[in-house]
Amino acid sequence: KTEQPNLMDHFTSNGNKPTKTKIKMNSKNVDALIKTKGKADIAHEIAMGLKHLSEFTPESGTKSLDEAIACFLRALAMEKKKMKNNVRRSDTGDALGIARTYELLGDTYKQKGALKLAKEHYMEAMTACENHRQNDKKKSANNKETSSRNKMDDYQRIQNKEHRVTCELYRSDQKHKRVSLRRKYSDMIKLGQMNLKSGKYDEARNRYQEALAMCMMRYGVESSMEVARVRELLGDLCVQTKSDFEEAQGHYRAVLQILERNKIGQDDERYEAVVQKFIPIAGLQ
């Protein structure tokens, strides 16, 4: 099943009032609808928005998407005004039309890369579908069963889109957090090295420890080469300042264990370099 709705199935070419007639939009009947409309109305704005949407290419920038959004927003404003004025309406197509216009806005914002706005509009569309279902209680049992099934199809389709956008937002947020942590602990290491050159050993130690904590937050376990790098810097600092040989031994042991977990053994120069640092301080406290 495709998840693309019949985007204009709540409009007819002779007015805004929803009917049971379904119009599957394509480039030909969108152009025809635009030419036949003498004034701006809901169907015209939707058709114009779809036309702008179809003109979008990655190379063209977001101008066509912005124009599509403007059209859909105008259509939405007219739909809401119409629903407010039509107090004694005999059907509930207005609410479904609002839901689908919100859905179009969500689709367009997603294509533009504005995932948070896309999620907001999908949620509005889901709410409108719920309103559509609640306002449909006056229909007969048979019609209600069919209508309810159609509304659930709309709701499920929009809910699936909202779920995918939520997952994309989560992945993007997690990636941003990882990048931020990496940048932060990299900056802490640089500050520690600057402090070390300036003879500010305590500050250098603090910066390295902060970098180690950030590495642990990012990677979770002590198996990362980044963790090994920071631990080796801490060990070097302890040896250089002769402040705590026992702590230095602990850092070097941890580095060797991480190297072994990463399949780096005694025949590797990196492993041998750490061993050469460890031997002179072995047994010292």
Protein backbone atom coordinates (compact mmCIF):
# COMPACT_ATOMS: atom_id res chain seq x y z
CA LYS A 1 0.00 0.00 0.00
CA THR A 2 1.17 3.47 -0.81
CA GLU A 3 1.00 6.02 1.97
CA GLN A 4 0.38 8.94 -0.37
CA PRO A 5 -3.20 10.15 0.03
CA ASN A 6 -5.49 11.26 -2.75
CA LEU A 7 -4.53 14.78 -1.86
CA MET A 8 -7.58 16.43 -3.38
CA ASP A 9 -10.26 13.87 -2.62
CA HIS A 10 -12.03 16.36 -0.33
CA PHE A 11 -12.36 19.00 -3.06
CA THR A 12 -14.35 19.21 -6.30
CA SER A 13 -13.63 21.34 -9.33
CA ASN A 14 -16.87 23.31 -8.90
CA GLY A 15 -16.41 24.55 -5.35
CA ASN A 16 -15.03 23.94 -1.88
CA LYS A 17 -17.79 21.80 -0.45
CA PRO A 18 -16.57 18.26 0.24
CA THR A 19 -18.36 15.51 -1.62
CA LYS A 20 -17.92 11.81 -2.15
CA THR A 21 -16.28 12.53 -5.51
CA LYS A 22 -12.58 11.75 -5.42
CA ILE A 23 -10.12 13.60 -7.62
CA LYS A 24 -6.71 12.01 -7.95
CA MET A 25 -4.43 14.93 -8.66
CA ASN A 26 -1.74 14.90 -11.32
CA SER A 27 0.05 17.58 -13.33
CA LYS A 28 -2.72 17.81 -15.95
CA ASN A 29 -5.73 18.28 -13.71
CA VAL A 30 -3.77 20.55 -11.33
CA ASP A 31 -3.05 22.87 -14.27
CA ALA A 32 -6.66 22.59 -15.43
CA LEU A 33 -7.97 23.44 -11.96
CA ILE A 34 -5.71 26.47 -11.71
CA LYS A 35 -6.83 27.78 -15.13
CA THR A 36 -10.55 27.29 -14.44
CA LYS A 37 -10.55 29.14 -11.13
CA GLY A 38 -11.38 32.78 -11.38
CA LYS A 39 -10.82 33.53 -7.72
CA ALA A 40 -8.68 32.22 -4.88
CA ASP A 41 -10.40 29.44 -2.97
CA ILE A 42 -9.36 26.36 -1.05
CA ALA A 43 -9.06 24.02 -4.03
CA HIS A 44 -7.16 26.63 -6.01
CA GLU A 45 -4.64 27.21 -3.21
CA ILE A 46 -4.15 23.46 -2.75
CA ALA A 47 -3.63 23.01 -6.49
CA MET A 48 -1.13 25.86 -6.60
CA GLY A 49 0.69 24.41 -3.59
CA LEU A 50 0.91 20.99 -5.27
CA LYS A 51 2.21 22.62 -8.43
CA HIS A 52 4.96 24.43 -6.51
CA LEU A 53 5.73 21.20 -4.67
CA SER A 54 6.15 19.30 -7.94
CA GLU A 55 8.62 21.93 -9.17
CA PHE A 56 11.03 21.35 -6.28
CA THR A 57 14.47 19.94 -7.03
CA PRO A 58 17.47 19.82 -4.67
CA GLU A 59 19.33 22.12 -7.04
CA SER A 60 16.56 24.75 -7.15
CA GLY A 61 16.71 25.58 -3.45
CA THR A 62 13.68 25.92 -1.17
CA LYS A 63 11.84 28.71 -2.99
CA SER A 64 9.22 26.39 -4.49
CA LEU A 65 8.74 24.71 -1.10
CA ASP A 66 8.25 28.09 0.58
CA GLU A 67 5.66 29.01 -2.05
CA ALA A 68 3.90 25.68 -1.55
CA ILE A 69 3.80 26.25 2.21
CA ALA A 70 2.31 29.72 1.69
CA CYS A 71 -0.44 28.24 -0.51
CA PHE A 72 -1.25 25.47 1.96
CA LEU A 73 -1.36 27.97 4.85
CA ARG A 74 -3.82 30.15 2.95
CA ALA A 75 -5.95 27.10 2.18
CA LEU A 76 -5.84 26.09 5.84
CA ALA A 77 -6.95 29.55 6.97
CA MET A 78 -9.90 29.43 4.55
CA GLU A 79 -10.84 25.91 5.66
CA LYS A 80 -10.86 26.96 9.31
CA LYS A 81 -12.95 30.04 8.53
CA LYS A 82 -15.38 27.97 6.50
CA MET A 83 -15.73 25.39 9.26
CA LYS A 84 -16.34 28.12 11.85
CA ASN A 85 -19.04 29.77 9.74
CA ASN A 86 -20.70 26.53 8.66
CA VAL A 87 -22.27 25.75 12.02
CA ARG A 88 -25.15 23.72 10.58
CA ARG A 89 -23.10 21.63 8.13
CA SER A 90 -24.65 18.29 7.30
CA ASP A 91 -21.33 16.47 6.80
CA THR A 92 -17.93 16.46 8.42
CA GLY A 93 -15.70 16.76 5.39
CA ASP A 94 -14.36 20.12 6.58
CA ALA A 95 -12.41 18.52 9.43
CA LEU A 96 -10.94 15.89 7.11
CA GLY A 97 -9.96 18.61 4.65
CA ILE A 98 -8.15 20.45 7.45
CA ALA A 99 -6.40 17.22 8.45
CA ARG A 100 -5.15 16.62 4.93
CA THR A 101 -3.97 20.20 4.52
CA TYR A 102 -2.02 19.87 7.76
CA GLU A 103 -0.62 16.65 6.33
CA LEU A 104 0.48 18.47 3.16
CA LEU A 105 2.21 21.07 5.32
CA GLY A 106 3.93 18.31 7.26
CA ASP A 107 5.09 16.64 4.03
CA THR A 108 6.44 19.94 2.71
CA TYR A 109 8.25 20.86 5.91
CA LYS A 110 9.78 17.38 6.00
CA GLN A 111 11.02 17.76 2.43
CA LYS A 112 12.47 21.12 3.44
CA GLY A 113 14.31 19.46 6.33
CA ALA A 114 12.33 21.25 9.07
CA LEU A 115 11.53 18.06 10.98
CA LYS A 116 10.18 19.73 14.13
CA LEU A 117 7.65 21.75 12.10
CA ALA A 118 6.75 18.62 10.13
CA LYS A 119 6.05 16.75 13.38
CA GLU A 120 3.91 19.62 14.70
CA HIS A 121 1.75 19.67 11.57
CA TYR A 122 1.37 15.89 11.48
CA MET A 123 0.15 16.01 15.07
CA GLU A 124 -2.34 18.75 14.14
CA ALA A 125 -3.50 16.54 11.27
CA MET A 126 -4.03 13.62 13.66
CA THR A 127 -6.06 15.86 15.97
CA ALA A 128 -8.21 17.00 13.04
CA CYS A 129 -8.81 13.34 12.10
CA GLU A 130 -10.00 12.71 15.64
CA ASN A 131 -12.35 15.69 15.40
CA HIS A 132 -13.64 14.35 12.10
CA ARG A 133 -14.44 11.02 13.75
CA GLN A 134 -16.21 12.63 16.70
CA ASN A 135 -18.33 14.90 14.47
CA ASP A 136 -19.50 11.98 12.37
CA LYS A 137 -21.82 10.41 14.94
CA LYS A 138 -25.03 11.43 13.18
CA LYS A 139 -24.47 9.17 10.20
CA SER A 140 -26.25 5.86 9.79
CA ALA A 141 -24.62 2.69 11.07
CA ASN A 142 -23.59 1.44 7.60
CA ASN A 143 -22.23 4.77 6.44
CA LYS A 144 -20.55 5.26 9.79
CA GLU A 145 -18.73 1.95 9.46
CA THR A 146 -17.37 2.86 6.02
CA SER A 147 -16.58 6.43 7.01
CA SER A 148 -14.85 5.30 10.19
CA ARG A 149 -12.70 2.90 8.23
CA ASN A 150 -11.67 5.67 5.82
CA LYS A 151 -10.89 8.02 8.69
CA MET A 152 -8.79 5.39 10.39
CA ASP A 153 -6.85 4.94 7.13
CA ASP A 154 -6.13 8.68 7.13
CA TYR A 155 -5.20 8.68 10.80
CA GLN A 156 -2.93 5.63 10.47
CA ARG A 157 -1.16 7.05 7.43
CA ILE A 158 -0.48 10.36 9.16
CA GLN A 159 0.53 8.61 12.39
CA ASN A 160 3.08 6.54 10.45
CA LYS A 161 4.56 9.71 8.98
CA GLU A 162 4.69 11.37 12.39
CA HIS A 163 6.42 8.30 13.85
CA ARG A 164 9.11 8.31 11.15
CA VAL A 165 9.76 12.03 11.65
CA THR A 166 10.01 11.48 15.42
CA CYS A 167 12.60 8.73 14.84
CA GLU A 168 14.58 11.00 12.51
CA LEU A 169 14.50 13.78 15.10
CA TYR A 170 15.73 11.38 17.79
CA ARG A 171 18.59 10.12 15.62
CA SER A 172 19.53 13.68 14.70
CA ASP A 173 19.45 14.75 18.33
CA GLN A 174 21.60 11.81 19.44
CA LYS A 175 24.10 12.47 16.65
CA HIS A 176 24.24 16.15 17.63
CA LYS A 177 24.88 15.20 21.26
CA ARG A 178 27.70 12.84 20.26
CA VAL A 179 29.29 15.49 18.04
CA SER A 180 28.96 18.08 20.80
CA LEU A 181 30.62 15.78 23.36
CA ARG A 182 33.44 14.97 20.97
CA ARG A 183 34.04 18.65 20.32
CA LYS A 184 33.94 19.40 24.03
CA TYR A 185 36.42 16.72 25.13
CA SER A 186 38.69 17.63 22.22
CA ASP A 187 38.65 21.22 23.45
CA MET A 188 39.36 20.04 27.02
CA ILE A 189 42.42 18.12 25.82
CA LYS A 190 43.72 21.18 23.96
CA LEU A 191 43.21 23.36 27.05
CA GLY A 192 45.01 20.78 29.19
CA GLN A 193 47.97 20.75 26.82
CA MET A 194 48.11 24.55 26.88
CA ASN A 195 48.00 24.55 30.68
CA LEU A 196 50.76 21.93 30.76
CA LYS A 197 53.04 24.06 28.58
CA SER A 198 52.36 27.03 30.86
CA GLY A 199 53.29 25.03 33.96
CA LYS A 200 49.70 25.03 35.28
CA TYR A 201 49.74 21.34 36.18
CA ASP A 202 46.68 21.27 38.42
CA GLU A 203 44.55 22.96 35.75
CA ALA A 204 45.92 20.60 33.11
CA ARG A 205 44.97 17.64 35.29
CA ASN A 206 41.45 19.01 35.75
CA ARG A 207 41.01 19.50 32.00
CA TYR A 208 42.21 15.96 31.23
CA GLN A 209 39.89 14.49 33.85
CA GLU A 210 36.96 16.44 32.37
CA ALA A 211 37.91 15.14 28.92
CA LEU A 212 38.01 11.57 30.28
CA ALA A 213 34.54 11.96 31.81
CA MET A 214 33.15 13.22 28.49
CA CYS A 215 34.77 10.32 26.62
CA MET A 216 33.13 7.89 29.00
CA MET A 217 29.76 9.59 28.48
CA ARG A 218 30.12 9.38 24.71
CA TYR A 219 31.41 5.83 24.40
CA GLY A 220 29.95 4.29 27.56
CA VAL A 221 32.71 1.73 28.15
CA GLU A 222 36.49 1.86 28.36
CA SER A 223 37.15 0.29 24.98
CA SER A 224 37.61 3.40 22.88
CA MET A 225 40.96 4.57 21.59
CA GLU A 226 39.88 8.09 22.57
CA VAL A 227 39.59 6.95 26.19
CA ALA A 228 43.03 5.36 25.89
CA ARG A 229 44.44 8.61 24.56
CA VAL A 230 43.15 10.66 27.51
CA ARG A 231 44.28 8.07 30.06
CA GLU A 232 47.76 8.08 28.58
CA LEU A 233 47.87 11.88 28.85
CA LEU A 234 46.88 11.64 32.52
CA GLY A 235 49.55 9.02 33.12
CA ASP A 236 52.17 11.20 31.43
CA LEU A 237 51.13 14.17 33.57
CA CYS A 238 51.45 12.14 36.79
CA VAL A 239 54.93 11.00 35.78
CA GLN A 240 56.06 14.46 34.67
CA THR A 241 54.96 16.10 37.91
CA LYS A 242 56.01 13.08 40.03
CA SER A 243 52.73 13.57 41.85
CA ASP A 244 51.28 10.05 41.89
CA PHE A 245 53.17 7.12 40.33
CA GLU A 246 50.51 4.66 41.46
CA GLU A 247 47.83 6.61 39.58
CA ALA A 248 50.10 6.74 36.52
CA GLN A 249 50.46 2.95 36.63
CA GLY A 250 46.67 2.60 36.75
CA HIS A 251 46.27 4.80 33.68
CA TYR A 252 48.95 2.95 31.70
CA ARG A 253 47.46 -0.45 32.63
CA ALA A 254 44.06 0.77 31.43
CA VAL A 255 45.62 1.97 28.15
CA LEU A 256 47.26 -1.44 27.56
CA GLN A 257 43.97 -3.23 28.24
CA ILE A 258 42.13 -0.98 25.76
CA LEU A 259 44.80 -1.62 23.12
CA GLU A 260 44.45 -5.38 23.66
CA ARG A 261 40.65 -5.15 23.31
CA ASN A 262 41.22 -3.38 20.00
CA LYS A 263 43.53 -6.19 18.80
CA ILE A 264 46.67 -4.11 19.27
CA GLY A 265 49.31 -6.37 20.82
CA GLN A 266 52.95 -6.37 21.84
CA ASP A 267 54.21 -6.34 18.26
CA ASP A 268 52.63 -2.92 17.72
CA GLU A 269 54.73 0.18 18.36
CA ARG A 270 51.86 1.90 20.16
CA TYR A 271 51.64 -0.93 22.67
CA GLU A 272 55.43 -1.00 23.09
CA ALA A 273 55.53 2.78 23.68
CA VAL A 274 53.12 2.50 26.61
CA VAL A 275 55.06 -0.46 28.03
CA GLN A 276 58.27 1.61 27.92
CA LYS A 277 56.50 4.33 29.91
CA PHE A 278 55.21 1.82 32.45
CA ILE A 279 58.46 -0.09 33.17
CA PRO A 280 60.43 2.78 34.82
CA ILE A 281 57.65 3.50 37.32
CA ALA A 282 56.68 -0.12 38.07
CA GLY A 283 56.65 -0.55 41.85
CA LEU A 284 56.97 3.17 42.52
CA GLN A 285 54.37 4.95 44.62
